[in-house]
Amino acid sequence: MTQEQTYAASDIKVLEGLSAVRKRPSMYIGNTSFEGLHHLVYEVVDNSIDEALAGYCDQIDIKLMTDNSVVIRDNGRGIPVDMHASANMPALEVVMTKLHAGGKFDNKTYRVSGGLHGVGVSVVNALSSHLEVEVYREKKTYYQRYERGESKTPLEIRGETARTGTKIHFSPDPLIFETIIFDFETLAKRMRELSFLTKGLRIKILDERTGKKKTFCT
């Protein structure tokens, strides 16, 4: 992986809020049935893929939990947590709660990127009954909890760590989706494709409901 480049709150650009996402979710994820549900996972993973394409991440772990929630963790740089000057809140909270907020709108932070270019993770947050994020950055573990797109706890430090990266644990909102049951094989197929397209990246997916697991790497 390449040497770390500056990635801070000043790299996060904000265009608009989340107000329309829960009202018209299909505009952002296609539909609220099987395909839209799985698109939530793809959008979170695509943020990690961007870190891999930029040379900062070589491992993504995905767990399908028994309560139909999903945990996705990478070993990238971690979403910035310093204060965002114009939004007057931590950059992490900006990324999680503002539509079109991310580090992909300039040509500096990510020269190559996928997903919805910063829309993805905030849309996932808006369409989750609850979401918890941990950021491993600057030798500290940062934590914040959200419910239906709104922050419910302040950003807090939960200890020290040698890790770097981001972990997102979300539960799709049953008030939005026709089904909240993820299909392992559908996700595994997509992860295999992403791994094939991203040299040096290892993606592991584990289904805690059945014990199934697969690892993809190139």
C-alpha atoms as a PDB file:
ATOM      1  CA  MET A   1       0.000   0.000   0.000  1.00  0.00           C
ATOM      2  CA  THR A   2       1.155   3.513  -0.691  1.00  0.00           C
ATOM      3  CA  GLN A   3       2.304   6.006   1.870  1.00  0.00           C
ATOM      4  CA  GLU A   4      -0.582   7.840   3.550  1.00  0.00           C
ATOM      5  CA  GLN A   5      -1.666  11.023   1.844  1.00  0.00           C
ATOM      6  CA  THR A   6      -3.463  13.816   3.687  1.00  0.00           C
ATOM      7  CA  TYR A   7      -7.138  12.948   4.183  1.00  0.00           C
ATOM      8  CA  ALA A   8      -8.896  15.291   6.583  1.00  0.00           C
ATOM      9  CA  ALA A   9     -12.101  17.234   7.187  1.00  0.00           C
ATOM     10  CA  SER A  10     -11.106  19.855   4.623  1.00  0.00           C
ATOM     11  CA  ASP A  11     -11.321  17.148   1.932  1.00  0.00           C
ATOM     12  CA  ILE A  12     -15.019  16.547   2.658  1.00  0.00           C
ATOM     13  CA  LYS A  13     -17.360  18.508   0.387  1.00  0.00           C
ATOM     14  CA  VAL A  14     -21.038  19.040   1.306  1.00  0.00           C
ATOM     15  CA  LEU A  15     -23.754  19.685  -1.270  1.00  0.00           C
ATOM     16  CA  GLU A  16     -27.112  18.985   0.397  1.00  0.00           C
ATOM     17  CA  GLY A  17     -28.966  17.264   3.243  1.00  0.00           C
ATOM     18  CA  LEU A  18     -30.698  13.879   3.569  1.00  0.00           C
ATOM     19  CA  SER A  19     -34.309  15.060   3.693  1.00  0.00           C
ATOM     20  CA  ALA A  20     -35.622  13.283   0.579  1.00  0.00           C
ATOM     21  CA  VAL A  21     -33.969   9.896   1.000  1.00  0.00           C
ATOM     22  CA  ARG A  22     -36.490   8.253   3.333  1.00  0.00           C
ATOM     23  CA  LYS A  23     -39.382   9.816   1.439  1.00  0.00           C
ATOM     24  CA  ARG A  24     -38.256   8.536  -1.976  1.00  0.00           C
ATOM     25  CA  PRO A  25     -35.668   5.804  -1.355  1.00  0.00           C
ATOM     26  CA  SER A  26     -36.044   4.262  -4.809  1.00  0.00           C
ATOM     27  CA  MET A  27     -34.491   7.372  -6.337  1.00  0.00           C
ATOM     28  CA  TYR A  28     -31.252   6.470  -4.567  1.00  0.00           C
ATOM     29  CA  ILE A  29     -31.128   2.658  -4.456  1.00  0.00           C
ATOM     30  CA  GLY A  30     -33.403   1.607  -7.327  1.00  0.00           C
ATOM     31  CA  ASN A  31     -36.158  -0.043  -5.275  1.00  0.00           C
ATOM     32  CA  THR A  32     -37.039  -1.132  -1.734  1.00  0.00           C
ATOM     33  CA  SER A  33     -37.174  -4.859  -2.447  1.00  0.00           C
ATOM     34  CA  PHE A  34     -34.441  -7.487  -2.833  1.00  0.00           C
ATOM     35  CA  GLU A  35     -32.166  -5.494  -5.141  1.00  0.00           C
ATOM     36  CA  GLY A  36     -32.351  -2.265  -3.154  1.00  0.00           C
ATOM     37  CA  LEU A  37     -31.656  -4.083   0.102  1.00  0.00           C
ATOM     38  CA  HIS A  38     -28.446  -5.596  -1.230  1.00  0.00           C
ATOM     39  CA  HIS A  39     -27.456  -2.272  -2.762  1.00  0.00           C
ATOM     40  CA  LEU A  40     -26.973  -0.983   0.802  1.00  0.00           C
ATOM     41  CA  VAL A  41     -24.093  -3.402   1.280  1.00  0.00           C
ATOM     42  CA  TYR A  42     -22.597  -2.536  -2.100  1.00  0.00           C
ATOM     43  CA  GLU A  43     -22.538   1.161  -1.267  1.00  0.00           C
ATOM     44  CA  VAL A  44     -20.695   0.682   2.026  1.00  0.00           C
ATOM     45  CA  VAL A  45     -18.249  -1.727   0.406  1.00  0.00           C
ATOM     46  CA  ASP A  46     -17.686   0.698  -2.472  1.00  0.00           C
ATOM     47  CA  ASN A  47     -16.308   3.234   0.012  1.00  0.00           C
ATOM     48  CA  SER A  48     -13.771   0.619   1.082  1.00  0.00           C
ATOM     49  CA  ILE A  49     -13.032  -0.198  -2.553  1.00  0.00           C
ATOM     50  CA  ASP A  50     -12.203   3.468  -3.099  1.00  0.00           C
ATOM     51  CA  GLU A  51      -9.635   3.241  -0.308  1.00  0.00           C
ATOM     52  CA  ALA A  52      -8.199   0.138  -1.976  1.00  0.00           C
ATOM     53  CA  LEU A  53      -8.043   1.805  -5.394  1.00  0.00           C
ATOM     54  CA  ALA A  54      -6.218   4.731  -3.794  1.00  0.00           C
ATOM     55  CA  GLY A  55      -3.697   2.305  -2.301  1.00  0.00           C
ATOM     56  CA  TYR A  56      -4.692   2.498   1.374  1.00  0.00           C
ATOM     57  CA  CYS A  57      -6.747  -0.680   1.949  1.00  0.00           C
ATOM     58  CA  ASP A  58      -6.122  -4.353   1.198  1.00  0.00           C
ATOM     59  CA  GLN A  59      -8.699  -6.094   3.417  1.00  0.00           C
ATOM     60  CA  ILE A  60     -12.509  -5.904   3.647  1.00  0.00           C
ATOM     61  CA  ASP A  61     -14.477  -8.124   6.030  1.00  0.00           C
ATOM     62  CA  ILE A  62     -18.249  -8.553   5.786  1.00  0.00           C
ATOM     63  CA  LYS A  63     -20.450 -10.338   8.320  1.00  0.00           C
ATOM     64  CA  LEU A  64     -24.138 -11.132   7.952  1.00  0.00           C
ATOM     65  CA  MET A  65     -25.431 -11.249  11.518  1.00  0.00           C
ATOM     66  CA  THR A  66     -28.206 -13.432  12.927  1.00  0.00           C
ATOM     67  CA  ASP A  67     -30.444 -10.383  13.481  1.00  0.00           C
ATOM     68  CA  ASN A  68     -30.220  -9.479   9.748  1.00  0.00           C
ATOM     69  CA  SER A  69     -27.791  -6.630  10.389  1.00  0.00           C
ATOM     70  CA  VAL A  70     -24.504  -6.353   8.490  1.00  0.00           C
ATOM     71  CA  VAL A  71     -20.992  -5.486   9.676  1.00  0.00           C
ATOM     72  CA  ILE A  72     -18.456  -4.191   7.145  1.00  0.00           C
ATOM     73  CA  ARG A  73     -14.888  -3.378   8.161  1.00  0.00           C
ATOM     74  CA  ASP A  74     -11.855  -2.277   6.168  1.00  0.00           C
ATOM     75  CA  ASN A  75      -8.250  -1.415   6.971  1.00  0.00           C
ATOM     76  CA  GLY A  76      -8.106   1.880   5.079  1.00  0.00           C
ATOM     77  CA  ARG A  77      -7.265   5.282   6.515  1.00  0.00           C
ATOM     78  CA  GLY A  78     -10.545   5.690   8.386  1.00  0.00           C
ATOM     79  CA  ILE A  79     -13.125   8.402   7.719  1.00  0.00           C
ATOM     80  CA  PRO A  80     -11.814  11.761   9.007  1.00  0.00           C
ATOM     81  CA  VAL A  81     -13.067  12.709  12.475  1.00  0.00           C
ATOM     82  CA  ASP A  82     -11.728  16.250  12.853  1.00  0.00           C
ATOM     83  CA  MET A  83     -14.139  19.193  12.809  1.00  0.00           C
ATOM     84  CA  HIS A  84     -15.534  20.256   9.455  1.00  0.00           C
ATOM     85  CA  ALA A  85     -15.208  24.027   9.182  1.00  0.00           C
ATOM     86  CA  SER A  86     -18.381  24.927   7.269  1.00  0.00           C
ATOM     87  CA  ALA A  87     -20.664  22.259   8.781  1.00  0.00           C
ATOM     88  CA  ASN A  88     -19.500  22.860  12.374  1.00  0.00           C
ATOM     89  CA  MET A  89     -19.562  19.148  13.196  1.00  0.00           C
ATOM     90  CA  PRO A  90     -17.100  16.251  12.962  1.00  0.00           C
ATOM     91  CA  ALA A  91     -16.310  15.230   9.392  1.00  0.00           C
ATOM     92  CA  LEU A  92     -17.529  11.704  10.170  1.00  0.00           C
ATOM     93  CA  GLU A  93     -20.973  13.038  11.069  1.00  0.00           C
ATOM     94  CA  VAL A  94     -21.010  15.138   7.901  1.00  0.00           C
ATOM     95  CA  VAL A  95     -20.257  12.077   5.772  1.00  0.00           C
ATOM     96  CA  MET A  96     -22.902  10.005   7.555  1.00  0.00           C
ATOM     97  CA  THR A  97     -25.738  12.551   7.629  1.00  0.00           C
ATOM     98  CA  LYS A  98     -25.330  14.806   4.586  1.00  0.00           C
ATOM     99  CA  LEU A  99     -26.150  13.756   1.042  1.00  0.00           C
ATOM    100  CA  HIS A 100     -23.352  14.323  -1.480  1.00  0.00           C
ATOM    101  CA  ALA A 101     -20.837  14.650   1.347  1.00  0.00           C
ATOM    102  CA  GLY A 102     -17.556  12.896   0.805  1.00  0.00           C
ATOM    103  CA  GLY A 103     -13.954  13.073  -0.265  1.00  0.00           C
ATOM    104  CA  LYS A 104     -14.623  12.296  -3.930  1.00  0.00           C
ATOM    105  CA  PHE A 105     -15.669  15.616  -5.388  1.00  0.00           C
ATOM    106  CA  ASP A 106     -12.164  16.897  -5.976  1.00  0.00           C
ATOM    107  CA  ASN A 107      -9.412  15.226  -7.965  1.00  0.00           C
ATOM    108  CA  LYS A 108      -7.041  15.027  -5.011  1.00  0.00           C
ATOM    109  CA  THR A 109      -8.367  12.679  -2.328  1.00  0.00           C
ATOM    110  CA  TYR A 110      -9.512   9.922  -4.719  1.00  0.00           C
ATOM    111  CA  ARG A 111      -8.188   9.863  -8.275  1.00  0.00           C
ATOM    112  CA  VAL A 112     -10.315   6.765  -8.949  1.00  0.00           C
ATOM    113  CA  SER A 113     -13.557   6.011  -7.139  1.00  0.00           C
ATOM    114  CA  GLY A 114     -16.702   3.910  -7.365  1.00  0.00           C
ATOM    115  CA  GLY A 115     -20.100   3.877  -5.698  1.00  0.00           C
ATOM    116  CA  LEU A 116     -22.301   6.947  -5.564  1.00  0.00           C
ATOM    117  CA  HIS A 117     -19.342   9.269  -4.953  1.00  0.00           C
ATOM    118  CA  GLY A 118     -20.129  10.005  -1.323  1.00  0.00           C
ATOM    119  CA  VAL A 119     -23.893   9.572  -1.545  1.00  0.00           C
ATOM    120  CA  GLY A 120     -23.776   5.891  -0.643  1.00  0.00           C
ATOM    121  CA  VAL A 121     -22.970   5.745   3.038  1.00  0.00           C
ATOM    122  CA  SER A 122     -25.335   8.576   3.981  1.00  0.00           C
ATOM    123  CA  VAL A 123     -28.150   6.884   2.053  1.00  0.00           C
ATOM    124  CA  VAL A 124     -27.420   3.624   3.866  1.00  0.00           C
ATOM    125  CA  ASN A 125     -27.585   5.531   7.146  1.00  0.00           C
ATOM    126  CA  ALA A 126     -30.897   7.159   6.209  1.00  0.00           C
ATOM    127  CA  LEU A 127     -32.447   3.803   5.290  1.00  0.00           C
ATOM    128  CA  SER A 128     -31.231   1.929   8.392  1.00  0.00           C
ATOM    129  CA  SER A 129     -33.204   1.626  11.611  1.00  0.00           C
ATOM    130  CA  HIS A 130     -29.871   2.061  13.338  1.00  0.00           C
ATOM    131  CA  LEU A 131     -26.237   2.275  12.313  1.00  0.00           C
ATOM    132  CA  GLU A 132     -23.056   2.278  14.370  1.00  0.00           C
ATOM    133  CA  VAL A 133     -19.706   3.371  13.031  1.00  0.00           C
ATOM    134  CA  GLU A 134     -16.240   2.893  14.464  1.00  0.00           C
ATOM    135  CA  VAL A 135     -13.253   4.694  12.984  1.00  0.00           C
ATOM    136  CA  TYR A 136      -9.717   3.528  13.725  1.00  0.00           C
ATOM    137  CA  ARG A 137      -7.509   6.516  13.107  1.00  0.00           C
ATOM    138  CA  GLU A 138      -4.602   8.330  14.719  1.00  0.00           C
ATOM    139  CA  LYS A 139      -4.169   5.401  17.180  1.00  0.00           C
ATOM    140  CA  LYS A 140      -7.682   5.909  18.601  1.00  0.00           C
ATOM    141  CA  THR A 141     -11.076   4.222  18.222  1.00  0.00           C
ATOM    142  CA  TYR A 142     -13.904   6.677  17.523  1.00  0.00           C
ATOM    143  CA  TYR A 143     -17.584   5.715  17.802  1.00  0.00           C
ATOM    144  CA  GLN A 144     -20.942   7.210  16.891  1.00  0.00           C
ATOM    145  CA  ARG A 145     -24.500   5.815  16.670  1.00  0.00           C
ATOM    146  CA  TYR A 146     -27.269   6.901  14.308  1.00  0.00           C
ATOM    147  CA  GLU A 147     -30.958   6.081  13.930  1.00  0.00           C
ATOM    148  CA  ARG A 148     -32.761   6.564  10.617  1.00  0.00           C
ATOM    149  CA  GLY A 149     -30.083   8.968   9.441  1.00  0.00           C
ATOM    150  CA  GLU A 150     -29.809  11.109  12.558  1.00  0.00           C
ATOM    151  CA  SER A 151     -26.966  11.059  15.077  1.00  0.00           C
ATOM    152  CA  LYS A 152     -28.028   9.778  18.489  1.00  0.00           C
ATOM    153  CA  THR A 153     -24.715  10.027  20.308  1.00  0.00           C
ATOM    154  CA  PRO A 154     -21.867  12.506  20.021  1.00  0.00           C
ATOM    155  CA  LEU A 155     -18.641  11.317  18.464  1.00  0.00           C
ATOM    156  CA  GLU A 156     -16.652   9.718  21.274  1.00  0.00           C
ATOM    157  CA  ILE A 157     -13.251   8.128  21.782  1.00  0.00           C
ATOM    158  CA  ARG A 158     -13.511   4.538  23.008  1.00  0.00           C
ATOM    159  CA  GLY A 159      -9.870   3.717  23.490  1.00  0.00           C
ATOM    160  CA  GLU A 160      -6.561   3.272  21.745  1.00  0.00           C
ATOM    161  CA  THR A 161      -5.843   0.966  18.825  1.00  0.00           C
ATOM    162  CA  ALA A 162      -3.118   0.003  16.399  1.00  0.00           C
ATOM    163  CA  ARG A 163      -5.740  -0.475  13.683  1.00  0.00           C
ATOM    164  CA  THR A 164      -6.637   1.866  10.884  1.00  0.00           C
ATOM    165  CA  GLY A 165      -9.895   1.794   8.963  1.00  0.00           C
ATOM    166  CA  THR A 166     -13.647   2.012   9.340  1.00  0.00           C
ATOM    167  CA  LYS A 167     -16.283  -0.423  10.634  1.00  0.00           C
ATOM    168  CA  ILE A 168     -19.976   0.102   9.868  1.00  0.00           C
ATOM    169  CA  HIS A 169     -22.717  -1.992  11.484  1.00  0.00           C
ATOM    170  CA  PHE A 170     -26.191  -1.312  10.121  1.00  0.00           C
ATOM    171  CA  SER A 171     -29.703  -2.755  10.244  1.00  0.00           C
ATOM    172  CA  PRO A 172     -31.954  -2.063   7.242  1.00  0.00           C
ATOM    173  CA  ASP A 173     -35.186  -0.359   8.271  1.00  0.00           C
ATOM    174  CA  PRO A 174     -38.213  -2.715   8.023  1.00  0.00           C
ATOM    175  CA  LEU A 175     -40.404   0.378   7.640  1.00  0.00           C
ATOM    176  CA  ILE A 176     -38.657   1.012   4.311  1.00  0.00           C
ATOM    177  CA  PHE A 177     -37.831  -2.407   2.868  1.00  0.00           C
ATOM    178  CA  GLU A 178     -40.155  -5.191   1.768  1.00  0.00           C
ATOM    179  CA  THR A 179     -37.591  -7.691   3.046  1.00  0.00           C
ATOM    180  CA  ILE A 180     -34.603  -7.280   5.347  1.00  0.00           C
ATOM    181  CA  ILE A 181     -33.153 -10.765   4.797  1.00  0.00           C
ATOM    182  CA  PHE A 182     -29.852 -10.719   2.916  1.00  0.00           C
ATOM    183  CA  ASP A 183     -28.871 -13.494   0.519  1.00  0.00           C
ATOM    184  CA  PHE A 184     -25.332 -14.766   1.042  1.00  0.00           C
ATOM    185  CA  GLU A 185     -24.777 -15.992  -2.510  1.00  0.00           C
ATOM    186  CA  THR A 186     -25.946 -12.715  -4.059  1.00  0.00           C
ATOM    187  CA  LEU A 187     -23.488 -10.758  -1.939  1.00  0.00           C
ATOM    188  CA  ALA A 188     -20.695 -13.300  -2.443  1.00  0.00           C
ATOM    189  CA  LYS A 189     -21.069 -13.063  -6.224  1.00  0.00           C
ATOM    190  CA  ARG A 190     -20.709  -9.279  -6.106  1.00  0.00           C
ATOM    191  CA  MET A 191     -17.715  -9.453  -3.744  1.00  0.00           C
ATOM    192  CA  ARG A 192     -16.006 -11.915  -6.075  1.00  0.00           C
ATOM    193  CA  GLU A 193     -16.440  -9.449  -8.957  1.00  0.00           C
ATOM    194  CA  LEU A 194     -15.104  -6.541  -6.903  1.00  0.00           C
ATOM    195  CA  SER A 195     -12.092  -8.535  -5.761  1.00  0.00           C
ATOM    196  CA  PHE A 196     -11.309  -9.565  -9.332  1.00  0.00           C
ATOM    197  CA  LEU A 197     -11.399  -5.927 -10.430  1.00  0.00           C
ATOM    198  CA  THR A 198      -9.249  -4.650  -7.543  1.00  0.00           C
ATOM    199  CA  LYS A 199      -5.705  -5.998  -7.550  1.00  0.00           C
ATOM    200  CA  GLY A 200      -4.227  -6.857  -4.163  1.00  0.00           C
ATOM    201  CA  LEU A 201      -7.551  -6.695  -2.307  1.00  0.00           C
ATOM    202  CA  ARG A 202      -8.835  -9.521  -0.120  1.00  0.00           C
ATOM    203  CA  ILE A 203     -12.573  -9.640   0.631  1.00  0.00           C
ATOM    204  CA  LYS A 204     -13.941 -12.050   3.230  1.00  0.00           C
ATOM    205  CA  ILE A 205     -17.657 -12.647   3.713  1.00  0.00           C
ATOM    206  CA  LEU A 206     -19.120 -14.681   6.584  1.00  0.00           C
ATOM    207  CA  ASP A 207     -22.756 -15.608   7.197  1.00  0.00           C
ATOM    208  CA  GLU A 208     -23.247 -15.954  10.962  1.00  0.00           C
ATOM    209  CA  ARG A 209     -26.730 -17.398  10.305  1.00  0.00           C
ATOM    210  CA  THR A 210     -25.454 -20.484   8.493  1.00  0.00           C
ATOM    211  CA  GLY A 211     -21.688 -20.573   8.985  1.00  0.00           C
ATOM    212  CA  LYS A 212     -21.018 -20.118   5.266  1.00  0.00           C
ATOM    213  CA  LYS A 213     -17.898 -18.154   4.420  1.00  0.00           C
ATOM    214  CA  LYS A 214     -15.912 -17.238   1.342  1.00  0.00           C
ATOM    215  CA  THR A 215     -12.683 -15.359   0.683  1.00  0.00           C
ATOM    216  CA  PHE A 216     -11.818 -13.645  -2.579  1.00  0.00           C
ATOM    217  CA  CYS A 217      -8.454 -12.193  -3.560  1.00  0.00           C
ATOM    218  CA  THR A 218      -6.385 -11.510  -6.660  1.00  0.00           C
END
